[in-house]
Amino acid sequence: MTLYYSLVFLLLVSEMALFMLLIVPLPFTIRRKMFTFISESPLVAKLQYGMKITFIFILILFIDSVNRVYRVQLELAESNKQQSAAVLGHERMEVQARKFYSQRNMYLCGFTLFLSLILNRTYTMILDVLRLEEKVKAYEGDPKTGGKQSEKLANAGNAGEIGKLKKQLAEKDRDLETLKKQSEGLSREYNNLGDKFTASDATPKKDR
């Protein structure tokens, strides 16, 4: 196995270990601290950026390995059409060996890319579950919830969402104040009209 495929294998093993760490049932406090650290650490952010570039190279290796498997299949089909049995046996062993290595590299790169997608999706789902647990505990009145750490976890992956909600809430408050002022103005106008109508209705009775 060449050096870069050995590195891909080490990355695959690391992804498997990380996936096991994500699905291990941990206490809520420890899990919250761990995901808060992952979401806010600048070192982890740089590592994620480097991993994205690495996965691009792995994708290129995967495409190359698929191409090699296809070419080996064509060579194997051509070797089966040859007449000489001696040449057929010798070349067939060589082609079968290259087919095995090409398929191994294809599966290695493919599973590494596939597991990276699973890890990304699993991390997002666990983060959503933690935010929902925070909300449930807050509704139930758990004193352990709240604080800066809870707010940071709730904001992880939702940049600008709270700001939009606050802006909408402020607009609703302004609309409510406007409606209150309009209601007060209409009430005053109604009272004034009522007083004028009462005064005009009482004047003819006095003249009589």
N, C-alpha and C. Protein backbone atom coordinates (compact mmCIF):
# COMPACT_ATOMS: atom_id res chain seq x y z
N MET A 1 0.85 -1.20 0.00
CA MET A 1 0.00 0.00 0.00
C MET A 1 0.89 1.25 0.00
N THR A 2 0.61 2.16 -0.90
CA THR A 2 1.42 3.37 -1.00
C THR A 2 1.15 4.29 0.20
N LEU A 3 1.97 5.34 0.30
CA LEU A 3 1.90 6.22 1.46
C LEU A 3 0.55 6.93 1.55
N TYR A 4 0.07 7.45 0.44
CA TYR A 4 -1.19 8.22 0.52
C TYR A 4 -2.38 7.33 0.81
N TYR A 5 -2.35 6.09 0.34
CA TYR A 5 -3.44 5.18 0.68
C TYR A 5 -3.32 4.72 2.14
N SER A 6 -2.10 4.67 2.65
CA SER A 6 -1.94 4.37 4.08
C SER A 6 -2.50 5.51 4.93
N LEU A 7 -2.31 6.76 4.49
CA LEU A 7 -2.88 7.90 5.19
C LEU A 7 -4.40 7.89 5.12
N VAL A 8 -4.93 7.47 3.97
CA VAL A 8 -6.38 7.37 3.85
C VAL A 8 -6.92 6.30 4.80
N PHE A 9 -6.19 5.20 4.94
CA PHE A 9 -6.62 4.16 5.87
C PHE A 9 -6.58 4.66 7.31
N LEU A 10 -5.55 5.43 7.68
CA LEU A 10 -5.49 6.00 9.04
C LEU A 10 -6.65 6.98 9.26
N LEU A 11 -6.99 7.74 8.23
CA LEU A 11 -8.12 8.66 8.34
C LEU A 11 -9.43 7.90 8.52
N LEU A 12 -9.56 6.77 7.82
CA LEU A 12 -10.76 5.95 7.96
C LEU A 12 -10.88 5.41 9.38
N VAL A 13 -9.78 4.95 9.95
CA VAL A 13 -9.79 4.45 11.32
C VAL A 13 -10.13 5.57 12.30
N SER A 14 -9.60 6.77 12.05
CA SER A 14 -9.90 7.92 12.91
C SER A 14 -11.38 8.28 12.83
N GLU A 15 -11.95 8.23 11.64
CA GLU A 15 -13.38 8.50 11.50
C GLU A 15 -14.22 7.46 12.24
N MET A 16 -13.80 6.21 12.20
CA MET A 16 -14.53 5.17 12.92
C MET A 16 -14.47 5.42 14.43
N ALA A 17 -13.30 5.80 14.92
CA ALA A 17 -13.15 6.09 16.36
C ALA A 17 -13.99 7.30 16.75
N LEU A 18 -13.99 8.35 15.91
CA LEU A 18 -14.78 9.54 16.20
C LEU A 18 -16.27 9.23 16.16
N PHE A 19 -16.68 8.38 15.24
CA PHE A 19 -18.09 8.02 15.17
C PHE A 19 -18.52 7.25 16.42
N MET A 20 -17.66 6.35 16.89
CA MET A 20 -17.96 5.64 18.13
C MET A 20 -18.04 6.60 19.31
N LEU A 21 -17.19 7.62 19.32
CA LEU A 21 -17.23 8.61 20.40
C LEU A 21 -18.52 9.42 20.37
N LEU A 22 -19.03 9.70 19.17
CA LEU A 22 -20.26 10.48 19.06
C LEU A 22 -21.49 9.70 19.53
N ILE A 23 -21.51 8.39 19.27
CA ILE A 23 -22.70 7.62 19.60
C ILE A 23 -22.63 6.99 20.99
N VAL A 24 -21.50 7.14 21.68
CA VAL A 24 -21.41 6.61 23.04
C VAL A 24 -22.34 7.41 23.95
N PRO A 25 -23.19 6.76 24.74
CA PRO A 25 -24.09 7.50 25.64
C PRO A 25 -23.31 8.15 26.79
N LEU A 26 -23.23 9.47 26.76
CA LEU A 26 -22.54 10.25 27.78
C LEU A 26 -23.54 11.08 28.56
N PRO A 27 -23.20 11.50 29.78
CA PRO A 27 -24.08 12.42 30.52
C PRO A 27 -24.32 13.70 29.75
N PHE A 28 -25.47 14.30 30.00
CA PHE A 28 -25.87 15.49 29.24
C PHE A 28 -24.87 16.63 29.42
N THR A 29 -24.37 16.84 30.62
CA THR A 29 -23.44 17.95 30.87
C THR A 29 -22.13 17.76 30.12
N ILE A 30 -21.59 16.54 30.16
CA ILE A 30 -20.33 16.26 29.46
C ILE A 30 -20.52 16.40 27.96
N ARG A 31 -21.62 15.88 27.44
CA ARG A 31 -21.88 15.97 26.01
C ARG A 31 -22.04 17.44 25.59
N ARG A 32 -22.71 18.24 26.41
CA ARG A 32 -22.90 19.64 26.08
C ARG A 32 -21.58 20.39 26.05
N LYS A 33 -20.73 20.13 27.04
CA LYS A 33 -19.42 20.79 27.07
C LYS A 33 -18.57 20.38 25.87
N MET A 34 -18.62 19.10 25.52
CA MET A 34 -17.82 18.61 24.40
C MET A 34 -18.24 19.25 23.09
N PHE A 35 -19.56 19.32 22.85
CA PHE A 35 -20.03 19.90 21.60
C PHE A 35 -19.88 21.41 21.58
N THR A 36 -19.95 22.04 22.74
CA THR A 36 -19.69 23.48 22.80
C THR A 36 -18.24 23.76 22.45
N PHE A 37 -17.33 22.94 22.93
CA PHE A 37 -15.91 23.11 22.61
C PHE A 37 -15.66 22.90 21.12
N ILE A 38 -16.30 21.87 20.56
CA ILE A 38 -16.12 21.60 19.12
C ILE A 38 -16.68 22.75 18.28
N SER A 39 -17.78 23.33 18.71
CA SER A 39 -18.43 24.38 17.92
C SER A 39 -17.68 25.69 17.98
N GLU A 40 -16.93 25.95 19.08
CA GLU A 40 -16.33 27.26 19.27
C GLU A 40 -14.81 27.28 19.18
N SER A 41 -14.18 26.13 19.20
CA SER A 41 -12.72 26.11 19.20
C SER A 41 -12.17 26.54 17.84
N PRO A 42 -11.29 27.54 17.80
CA PRO A 42 -10.69 27.92 16.50
C PRO A 42 -9.78 26.84 15.93
N LEU A 43 -9.17 26.04 16.81
CA LEU A 43 -8.32 24.95 16.35
C LEU A 43 -9.15 23.90 15.61
N VAL A 44 -10.32 23.58 16.15
CA VAL A 44 -11.20 22.62 15.49
C VAL A 44 -11.71 23.17 14.17
N ALA A 45 -11.97 24.48 14.12
CA ALA A 45 -12.41 25.09 12.86
C ALA A 45 -11.34 25.00 11.78
N LYS A 46 -10.07 25.25 12.17
CA LYS A 46 -8.98 25.11 11.20
C LYS A 46 -8.82 23.65 10.77
N LEU A 47 -9.00 22.74 11.73
CA LEU A 47 -8.89 21.31 11.40
C LEU A 47 -9.99 20.89 10.43
N GLN A 48 -11.20 21.40 10.64
CA GLN A 48 -12.30 21.07 9.73
C GLN A 48 -12.03 21.62 8.32
N TYR A 49 -11.45 22.80 8.25
CA TYR A 49 -11.12 23.38 6.94
C TYR A 49 -10.06 22.53 6.23
N GLY A 50 -9.05 22.08 6.98
CA GLY A 50 -8.04 21.22 6.39
C GLY A 50 -8.60 19.87 5.96
N MET A 51 -9.57 19.36 6.73
CA MET A 51 -10.17 18.08 6.38
C MET A 51 -10.99 18.19 5.10
N LYS A 52 -11.63 19.34 4.88
CA LYS A 52 -12.38 19.52 3.65
C LYS A 52 -11.45 19.43 2.43
N ILE A 53 -10.28 20.05 2.53
CA ILE A 53 -9.31 19.97 1.44
C ILE A 53 -8.82 18.54 1.26
N THR A 54 -8.61 17.85 2.40
CA THR A 54 -8.15 16.46 2.34
C THR A 54 -9.18 15.58 1.64
N PHE A 55 -10.45 15.78 1.93
CA PHE A 55 -11.50 14.97 1.32
C PHE A 55 -11.63 15.25 -0.17
N ILE A 56 -11.25 16.44 -0.59
CA ILE A 56 -11.23 16.71 -2.04
C ILE A 56 -10.19 15.84 -2.73
N PHE A 57 -9.00 15.72 -2.11
CA PHE A 57 -7.96 14.85 -2.67
C PHE A 57 -8.39 13.38 -2.62
N ILE A 58 -9.09 13.00 -1.55
CA ILE A 58 -9.56 11.61 -1.46
C ILE A 58 -10.60 11.34 -2.54
N LEU A 59 -11.42 12.33 -2.85
CA LEU A 59 -12.39 12.17 -3.93
C LEU A 59 -11.69 11.97 -5.27
N ILE A 60 -10.59 12.71 -5.46
CA ILE A 60 -9.81 12.52 -6.70
C ILE A 60 -9.23 11.11 -6.75
N LEU A 61 -8.71 10.63 -5.62
CA LEU A 61 -8.18 9.25 -5.57
C LEU A 61 -9.29 8.23 -5.83
N PHE A 62 -10.48 8.51 -5.32
CA PHE A 62 -11.60 7.58 -5.54
C PHE A 62 -11.96 7.51 -7.03
N ILE A 63 -12.01 8.66 -7.67
CA ILE A 63 -12.32 8.67 -9.11
C ILE A 63 -11.23 7.95 -9.90
N ASP A 64 -9.97 8.16 -9.51
CA ASP A 64 -8.86 7.48 -10.19
C ASP A 64 -8.93 5.97 -9.99
N SER A 65 -9.28 5.54 -8.76
CA SER A 65 -9.37 4.10 -8.50
C SER A 65 -10.53 3.46 -9.28
N VAL A 66 -11.63 4.18 -9.42
CA VAL A 66 -12.75 3.66 -10.21
C VAL A 66 -12.33 3.52 -11.67
N ASN A 67 -11.59 4.49 -12.17
CA ASN A 67 -11.09 4.42 -13.55
C ASN A 67 -10.14 3.24 -13.73
N ARG A 68 -9.29 3.00 -12.71
CA ARG A 68 -8.36 1.87 -12.80
C ARG A 68 -9.10 0.53 -12.79
N VAL A 69 -10.13 0.43 -11.96
CA VAL A 69 -10.93 -0.81 -11.93
C VAL A 69 -11.59 -1.06 -13.28
N TYR A 70 -12.09 0.01 -13.88
CA TYR A 70 -12.73 -0.13 -15.20
C TYR A 70 -11.72 -0.60 -16.25
N ARG A 71 -10.52 -0.02 -16.23
CA ARG A 71 -9.50 -0.42 -17.23
C ARG A 71 -9.03 -1.85 -17.00
N VAL A 72 -8.92 -2.25 -15.73
CA VAL A 72 -8.51 -3.62 -15.43
C VAL A 72 -9.58 -4.60 -15.90
N GLN A 73 -10.83 -4.23 -15.75
CA GLN A 73 -11.91 -5.11 -16.23
C GLN A 73 -11.83 -5.28 -17.75
N LEU A 74 -11.49 -4.21 -18.45
CA LEU A 74 -11.34 -4.32 -19.90
C LEU A 74 -10.15 -5.21 -20.26
N GLU A 75 -9.03 -5.06 -19.54
CA GLU A 75 -7.87 -5.91 -19.81
C GLU A 75 -8.17 -7.37 -19.52
N LEU A 76 -8.93 -7.60 -18.44
CA LEU A 76 -9.29 -8.98 -18.10
C LEU A 76 -10.19 -9.59 -19.17
N ALA A 77 -11.08 -8.80 -19.71
CA ALA A 77 -11.94 -9.31 -20.77
C ALA A 77 -11.14 -9.60 -22.03
N GLU A 78 -10.14 -8.76 -22.32
CA GLU A 78 -9.30 -9.01 -23.50
C GLU A 78 -8.41 -10.22 -23.32
N SER A 79 -7.90 -10.42 -22.08
CA SER A 79 -7.04 -11.59 -21.84
C SER A 79 -7.81 -12.90 -21.96
N ASN A 80 -9.09 -12.87 -21.68
CA ASN A 80 -9.90 -14.08 -21.80
C ASN A 80 -10.11 -14.48 -23.26
N LYS A 81 -9.91 -13.52 -24.17
CA LYS A 81 -10.10 -13.81 -25.59
C LYS A 81 -8.84 -14.33 -26.27
N GLN A 82 -7.69 -14.32 -25.56
CA GLN A 82 -6.45 -14.76 -26.17
C GLN A 82 -6.46 -16.28 -26.36
N GLN A 83 -5.61 -16.77 -27.32
CA GLN A 83 -5.60 -18.17 -27.70
C GLN A 83 -4.67 -18.99 -26.82
N SER A 84 -3.48 -18.46 -26.49
CA SER A 84 -2.47 -19.24 -25.79
C SER A 84 -2.84 -19.43 -24.33
N ALA A 85 -2.84 -20.68 -23.87
CA ALA A 85 -3.19 -20.97 -22.48
C ALA A 85 -2.11 -20.51 -21.52
N ALA A 86 -0.82 -20.62 -21.93
CA ALA A 86 0.28 -20.22 -21.05
C ALA A 86 0.26 -18.71 -20.83
N VAL A 87 0.09 -17.98 -21.94
CA VAL A 87 0.03 -16.53 -21.82
C VAL A 87 -1.22 -16.12 -21.04
N LEU A 88 -2.28 -16.85 -21.25
CA LEU A 88 -3.53 -16.53 -20.55
C LEU A 88 -3.37 -16.69 -19.04
N GLY A 89 -2.73 -17.77 -18.60
CA GLY A 89 -2.55 -17.97 -17.17
C GLY A 89 -1.65 -16.94 -16.55
N HIS A 90 -0.54 -16.60 -17.19
CA HIS A 90 0.40 -15.62 -16.64
C HIS A 90 -0.22 -14.23 -16.58
N GLU A 91 -0.83 -13.83 -17.68
CA GLU A 91 -1.41 -12.49 -17.71
C GLU A 91 -2.65 -12.39 -16.82
N ARG A 92 -3.35 -13.49 -16.71
CA ARG A 92 -4.56 -13.48 -15.89
C ARG A 92 -4.21 -13.24 -14.42
N MET A 93 -3.12 -13.85 -13.92
CA MET A 93 -2.71 -13.64 -12.53
C MET A 93 -2.32 -12.18 -12.31
N GLU A 94 -1.60 -11.60 -13.29
CA GLU A 94 -1.18 -10.21 -13.14
C GLU A 94 -2.38 -9.27 -13.15
N VAL A 95 -3.31 -9.54 -14.05
CA VAL A 95 -4.49 -8.68 -14.14
C VAL A 95 -5.36 -8.83 -12.90
N GLN A 96 -5.48 -10.06 -12.39
CA GLN A 96 -6.28 -10.29 -11.19
C GLN A 96 -5.67 -9.56 -9.99
N ALA A 97 -4.32 -9.53 -9.90
CA ALA A 97 -3.66 -8.81 -8.80
C ALA A 97 -3.93 -7.32 -8.90
N ARG A 98 -3.80 -6.76 -10.11
CA ARG A 98 -4.07 -5.33 -10.28
C ARG A 98 -5.54 -5.01 -10.03
N LYS A 99 -6.41 -5.95 -10.38
CA LYS A 99 -7.83 -5.76 -10.11
C LYS A 99 -8.11 -5.72 -8.61
N PHE A 100 -7.43 -6.60 -7.87
CA PHE A 100 -7.61 -6.63 -6.42
C PHE A 100 -7.15 -5.32 -5.78
N TYR A 101 -5.98 -4.83 -6.16
CA TYR A 101 -5.46 -3.59 -5.58
C TYR A 101 -6.33 -2.39 -5.97
N SER A 102 -6.80 -2.37 -7.19
CA SER A 102 -7.64 -1.26 -7.63
C SER A 102 -8.97 -1.25 -6.88
N GLN A 103 -9.56 -2.43 -6.72
CA GLN A 103 -10.81 -2.50 -5.97
C GLN A 103 -10.61 -2.16 -4.50
N ARG A 104 -9.47 -2.59 -3.94
CA ARG A 104 -9.19 -2.24 -2.54
C ARG A 104 -9.10 -0.73 -2.36
N ASN A 105 -8.38 -0.07 -3.27
CA ASN A 105 -8.25 1.39 -3.17
C ASN A 105 -9.59 2.09 -3.38
N MET A 106 -10.40 1.55 -4.28
CA MET A 106 -11.71 2.15 -4.52
C MET A 106 -12.60 2.04 -3.28
N TYR A 107 -12.62 0.85 -2.68
CA TYR A 107 -13.43 0.67 -1.47
C TYR A 107 -12.90 1.52 -0.32
N LEU A 108 -11.59 1.61 -0.19
CA LEU A 108 -10.99 2.39 0.89
C LEU A 108 -11.38 3.87 0.78
N CYS A 109 -11.22 4.44 -0.40
CA CYS A 109 -11.56 5.85 -0.59
C CYS A 109 -13.06 6.07 -0.50
N GLY A 110 -13.83 5.14 -1.05
CA GLY A 110 -15.28 5.28 -1.03
C GLY A 110 -15.85 5.25 0.37
N PHE A 111 -15.39 4.29 1.18
CA PHE A 111 -15.89 4.21 2.55
C PHE A 111 -15.44 5.41 3.38
N THR A 112 -14.25 5.93 3.12
CA THR A 112 -13.78 7.12 3.84
C THR A 112 -14.66 8.32 3.54
N LEU A 113 -14.99 8.52 2.27
CA LEU A 113 -15.86 9.63 1.90
C LEU A 113 -17.27 9.44 2.45
N PHE A 114 -17.77 8.23 2.38
CA PHE A 114 -19.12 7.95 2.86
C PHE A 114 -19.22 8.16 4.37
N LEU A 115 -18.21 7.72 5.10
CA LEU A 115 -18.23 7.88 6.55
C LEU A 115 -18.10 9.35 6.95
N SER A 116 -17.40 10.14 6.14
CA SER A 116 -17.32 11.57 6.44
C SER A 116 -18.69 12.23 6.35
N LEU A 117 -19.50 11.83 5.38
CA LEU A 117 -20.86 12.36 5.27
C LEU A 117 -21.71 11.92 6.45
N ILE A 118 -21.54 10.66 6.88
CA ILE A 118 -22.29 10.17 8.03
C ILE A 118 -21.90 10.93 9.29
N LEU A 119 -20.61 11.19 9.47
CA LEU A 119 -20.15 11.94 10.65
C LEU A 119 -20.73 13.34 10.66
N ASN A 120 -20.73 13.99 9.52
CA ASN A 120 -21.27 15.35 9.45
C ASN A 120 -22.75 15.37 9.81
N ARG A 121 -23.49 14.43 9.25
CA ARG A 121 -24.93 14.37 9.53
C ARG A 121 -25.18 13.99 10.99
N THR A 122 -24.41 13.05 11.53
CA THR A 122 -24.58 12.65 12.93
C THR A 122 -24.29 13.80 13.87
N TYR A 123 -23.24 14.57 13.59
CA TYR A 123 -22.90 15.72 14.43
C TYR A 123 -24.03 16.75 14.41
N THR A 124 -24.60 17.01 13.24
CA THR A 124 -25.70 17.98 13.15
C THR A 124 -26.93 17.50 13.91
N MET A 125 -27.25 16.21 13.79
CA MET A 125 -28.42 15.67 14.48
C MET A 125 -28.23 15.70 16.00
N ILE A 126 -27.04 15.36 16.48
CA ILE A 126 -26.79 15.39 17.92
C ILE A 126 -26.86 16.82 18.44
N LEU A 127 -26.37 17.77 17.66
CA LEU A 127 -26.44 19.17 18.05
C LEU A 127 -27.89 19.63 18.15
N ASP A 128 -28.73 19.20 17.21
CA ASP A 128 -30.15 19.54 17.27
C ASP A 128 -30.82 18.92 18.49
N VAL A 129 -30.46 17.68 18.80
CA VAL A 129 -31.03 17.02 19.97
C VAL A 129 -30.63 17.74 21.25
N LEU A 130 -29.38 18.18 21.34
CA LEU A 130 -28.93 18.91 22.54
C LEU A 130 -29.69 20.23 22.69
N ARG A 131 -29.91 20.93 21.58
CA ARG A 131 -30.67 22.18 21.66
C ARG A 131 -32.11 21.93 22.12
N LEU A 132 -32.71 20.84 21.62
CA LEU A 132 -34.06 20.52 22.05
C LEU A 132 -34.10 20.13 23.53
N GLU A 133 -33.09 19.40 23.98
CA GLU A 133 -33.03 19.06 25.40
C GLU A 133 -32.85 20.30 26.27
N GLU A 134 -32.08 21.27 25.78
CA GLU A 134 -31.93 22.53 26.51
C GLU A 134 -33.27 23.24 26.64
N LYS A 135 -34.04 23.27 25.53
CA LYS A 135 -35.34 23.93 25.58
C LYS A 135 -36.30 23.20 26.52
N VAL A 136 -36.30 21.87 26.47
CA VAL A 136 -37.19 21.09 27.33
C VAL A 136 -36.85 21.33 28.80
N LYS A 137 -35.56 21.31 29.13
CA LYS A 137 -35.15 21.54 30.52
C LYS A 137 -35.48 22.97 30.96
N ALA A 138 -35.37 23.92 30.02
CA ALA A 138 -35.72 25.30 30.36
C ALA A 138 -37.22 25.43 30.61
N TYR A 139 -38.05 24.74 29.82
CA TYR A 139 -39.49 24.79 30.04
C TYR A 139 -39.88 24.10 31.34
N GLU A 140 -39.15 23.05 31.69
CA GLU A 140 -39.45 22.34 32.93
C GLU A 140 -38.91 23.04 34.16
N GLY A 141 -38.13 24.10 33.95
CA GLY A 141 -37.60 24.86 35.09
C GLY A 141 -36.38 24.25 35.72
N ASP A 142 -35.55 23.58 34.93
CA ASP A 142 -34.33 23.00 35.46
C ASP A 142 -33.32 24.11 35.75
N PRO A 143 -32.84 24.27 36.99
CA PRO A 143 -31.91 25.36 37.31
C PRO A 143 -30.54 25.16 36.70
N LYS A 144 -30.23 23.95 36.25
CA LYS A 144 -28.90 23.70 35.68
C LYS A 144 -28.76 24.27 34.28
N THR A 145 -29.89 24.50 33.63
CA THR A 145 -29.81 25.05 32.29
C THR A 145 -29.63 26.54 32.33
N GLY A 146 -29.32 27.11 31.17
CA GLY A 146 -29.11 28.55 31.10
C GLY A 146 -27.64 28.87 31.18
N GLY A 147 -27.35 30.16 31.23
CA GLY A 147 -25.96 30.58 31.30
C GLY A 147 -25.37 30.74 29.92
N LYS A 148 -24.13 31.19 29.91
CA LYS A 148 -23.45 31.45 28.64
C LYS A 148 -23.24 30.19 27.85
N GLN A 149 -22.88 29.11 28.54
CA GLN A 149 -22.59 27.87 27.80
C GLN A 149 -23.83 27.35 27.09
N SER A 150 -24.97 27.43 27.75
CA SER A 150 -26.22 26.98 27.13
C SER A 150 -26.58 27.86 25.94
N GLU A 151 -26.38 29.17 26.08
CA GLU A 151 -26.69 30.06 24.98
C GLU A 151 -25.77 29.81 23.79
N LYS A 152 -24.50 29.55 24.05
CA LYS A 152 -23.56 29.28 22.96
C LYS A 152 -23.92 28.01 22.22
N LEU A 153 -24.34 26.99 22.98
CA LEU A 153 -24.73 25.74 22.32
C LEU A 153 -25.98 25.93 21.49
N ALA A 154 -26.91 26.72 22.00
CA ALA A 154 -28.14 26.97 21.26
C ALA A 154 -27.89 27.75 19.98
N ASN A 155 -26.84 28.59 20.01
CA ASN A 155 -26.53 29.40 18.83
C ASN A 155 -25.64 28.69 17.84
N ALA A 156 -25.05 27.54 18.22
CA ALA A 156 -24.12 26.83 17.34
C ALA A 156 -24.87 26.32 16.12
N GLY A 157 -24.39 26.66 14.95
CA GLY A 157 -25.01 26.21 13.70
C GLY A 157 -26.21 27.02 13.27
N ASN A 158 -26.64 28.04 14.10
CA ASN A 158 -27.79 28.88 13.75
C ASN A 158 -27.40 30.35 13.79
N ALA A 159 -26.37 30.71 13.06
CA ALA A 159 -25.90 32.10 13.08
C ALA A 159 -26.96 33.02 12.50
N GLY A 160 -27.30 34.04 13.24
CA GLY A 160 -28.25 35.05 12.80
C GLY A 160 -29.70 34.71 13.06
N GLU A 161 -30.01 33.49 13.50
CA GLU A 161 -31.41 33.11 13.70
C GLU A 161 -32.02 33.87 14.86
N ILE A 162 -31.29 33.97 15.97
CA ILE A 162 -31.82 34.68 17.13
C ILE A 162 -31.97 36.16 16.82
N GLY A 163 -30.99 36.71 16.06
CA GLY A 163 -31.09 38.12 15.68
C GLY A 163 -32.34 38.39 14.85
N LYS A 164 -32.67 37.47 13.93
CA LYS A 164 -33.87 37.63 13.11
C LYS A 164 -35.13 37.57 13.97
N LEU A 165 -35.13 36.64 14.94
CA LEU A 165 -36.30 36.52 15.82
C LEU A 165 -36.47 37.77 16.67
N LYS A 166 -35.35 38.31 17.18
CA LYS A 166 -35.44 39.54 17.96
C LYS A 166 -35.95 40.70 17.12
N LYS A 167 -35.49 40.76 15.87
CA LYS A 167 -35.95 41.83 14.98
C LYS A 167 -37.44 41.70 14.70
N GLN A 168 -37.91 40.48 14.47
CA GLN A 168 -39.33 40.28 14.24
C GLN A 168 -40.15 40.62 15.48
N LEU A 169 -39.61 40.27 16.66
CA LEU A 169 -40.31 40.58 17.91
C LEU A 169 -40.39 42.09 18.11
N ALA A 170 -39.32 42.81 17.78
CA ALA A 170 -39.34 44.28 17.91
C ALA A 170 -40.35 44.89 16.94
N GLU A 171 -40.45 44.35 15.73
CA GLU A 171 -41.44 44.85 14.78
C GLU A 171 -42.86 44.59 15.28
N LYS A 172 -43.08 43.42 15.86
CA LYS A 172 -44.40 43.12 16.41
C LYS A 172 -44.73 44.08 17.56
N ASP A 173 -43.73 44.39 18.40
CA ASP A 173 -43.96 45.33 19.50
C ASP A 173 -44.32 46.72 18.97
N ARG A 174 -43.62 47.16 17.91
CA ARG A 174 -43.94 48.46 17.33
C ARG A 174 -45.34 48.48 16.73
N ASP A 175 -45.71 47.39 16.07
CA ASP A 175 -47.07 47.31 15.52
C ASP A 175 -48.12 47.34 16.62
N LEU A 176 -47.81 46.67 17.74
CA LEU A 176 -48.75 46.65 18.86
C LEU A 176 -48.90 48.04 19.47
N GLU A 177 -47.79 48.76 19.61
CA GLU A 177 -47.86 50.12 20.13
C GLU A 177 -48.65 51.02 19.19
N THR A 178 -48.45 50.85 17.89
CA THR A 178 -49.21 51.65 16.92
C THR A 178 -50.70 51.37 17.01
N LEU A 179 -51.06 50.09 17.16
CA LEU A 179 -52.47 49.73 17.30
C LEU A 179 -53.07 50.29 18.59
N LYS A 180 -52.24 50.30 19.66
CA LYS A 180 -52.74 50.87 20.92
C LYS A 180 -53.03 52.35 20.78
N LYS A 181 -52.11 53.09 20.12
CA LYS A 181 -52.30 54.52 19.92
C LYS A 181 -53.52 54.79 19.05
N GLN A 182 -53.69 54.00 17.99
CA GLN A 182 -54.86 54.16 17.15
C GLN A 182 -56.14 53.86 17.91
N SER A 183 -56.10 52.84 18.75
CA SER A 183 -57.28 52.50 19.55
C SER A 183 -57.62 53.61 20.53
N GLU A 184 -56.59 54.18 21.16
CA GLU A 184 -56.85 55.29 22.10
C GLU A 184 -57.42 56.51 21.36
N GLY A 185 -56.87 56.80 20.15
CA GLY A 185 -57.39 57.92 19.38
C GLY A 185 -58.83 57.71 18.97
N LEU A 186 -59.16 56.50 18.53
CA LEU A 186 -60.54 56.20 18.15
C LEU A 186 -61.46 56.27 19.36
N SER A 187 -60.97 55.83 20.52
CA SER A 187 -61.79 55.91 21.72
C SER A 187 -62.08 57.35 22.12
N ARG A 188 -61.07 58.23 22.00
CA ARG A 188 -61.28 59.64 22.32
C ARG A 188 -62.27 60.28 21.35
N GLU A 189 -62.11 59.96 20.05
CA GLU A 189 -63.03 60.50 19.06
C GLU A 189 -64.46 60.03 19.30
N TYR A 190 -64.57 58.76 19.70
CA TYR A 190 -65.91 58.23 19.99
C TYR A 190 -66.54 58.92 21.18
N ASN A 191 -65.75 59.15 22.23
CA ASN A 191 -66.27 59.85 23.41
C ASN A 191 -66.65 61.28 23.08
N ASN A 192 -65.82 61.96 22.26
CA ASN A 192 -66.15 63.34 21.87
C ASN A 192 -67.43 63.40 21.06
N LEU A 193 -67.57 62.47 20.12
CA LEU A 193 -68.80 62.44 19.33
C LEU A 193 -70.01 62.12 20.20
N GLY A 194 -69.81 61.23 21.17
CA GLY A 194 -70.92 60.92 22.08
C GLY A 194 -71.33 62.12 22.91
N ASP A 195 -70.35 62.90 23.39
CA ASP A 195 -70.66 64.10 24.18
C ASP A 195 -71.38 65.14 23.32
N LYS A 196 -70.90 65.33 22.07
CA LYS A 196 -71.54 66.30 21.18
C LYS A 196 -72.97 65.88 20.86
N PHE A 197 -73.18 64.59 20.62
CA PHE A 197 -74.52 64.11 20.32
C PHE A 197 -75.46 64.29 21.51
N THR A 198 -74.94 64.02 22.71
CA THR A 198 -75.75 64.20 23.92
C THR A 198 -76.11 65.66 24.13
N ALA A 199 -75.12 66.55 23.89
CA ALA A 199 -75.38 68.00 24.07
C ALA A 199 -76.40 68.50 23.05
N SER A 200 -76.26 68.07 21.79
CA SER A 200 -77.20 68.53 20.75
C SER A 200 -78.59 67.97 20.96
N ASP A 201 -78.68 66.78 21.55
CA ASP A 201 -79.98 66.17 21.80
C ASP A 201 -80.67 66.84 22.98
N ALA A 202 -79.90 67.36 23.95
CA ALA A 202 -80.48 67.97 25.14
C ALA A 202 -80.91 69.40 24.88
N THR A 203 -80.37 70.12 23.94
CA THR A 203 -80.69 71.54 23.66
C THR A 203 -82.13 71.78 23.25
N PRO A 204 -82.73 71.05 22.34
CA PRO A 204 -84.13 71.29 21.98
C PRO A 204 -85.08 71.08 23.15
N LYS A 205 -84.77 70.12 24.04
CA LYS A 205 -85.65 69.89 25.19
C LYS A 205 -85.69 71.10 26.10
N LYS A 206 -84.55 71.81 26.28
CA LYS A 206 -84.54 72.99 27.11
C LYS A 206 -85.34 74.12 26.49
N ASP A 207 -85.28 74.26 25.12
CA ASP A 207 -86.04 75.31 24.45
C ASP A 207 -87.53 75.10 24.62
N ARG A 208 -88.00 73.85 24.58
CA ARG A 208 -89.39 73.56 24.77
C ARG A 208 -89.83 73.87 26.21
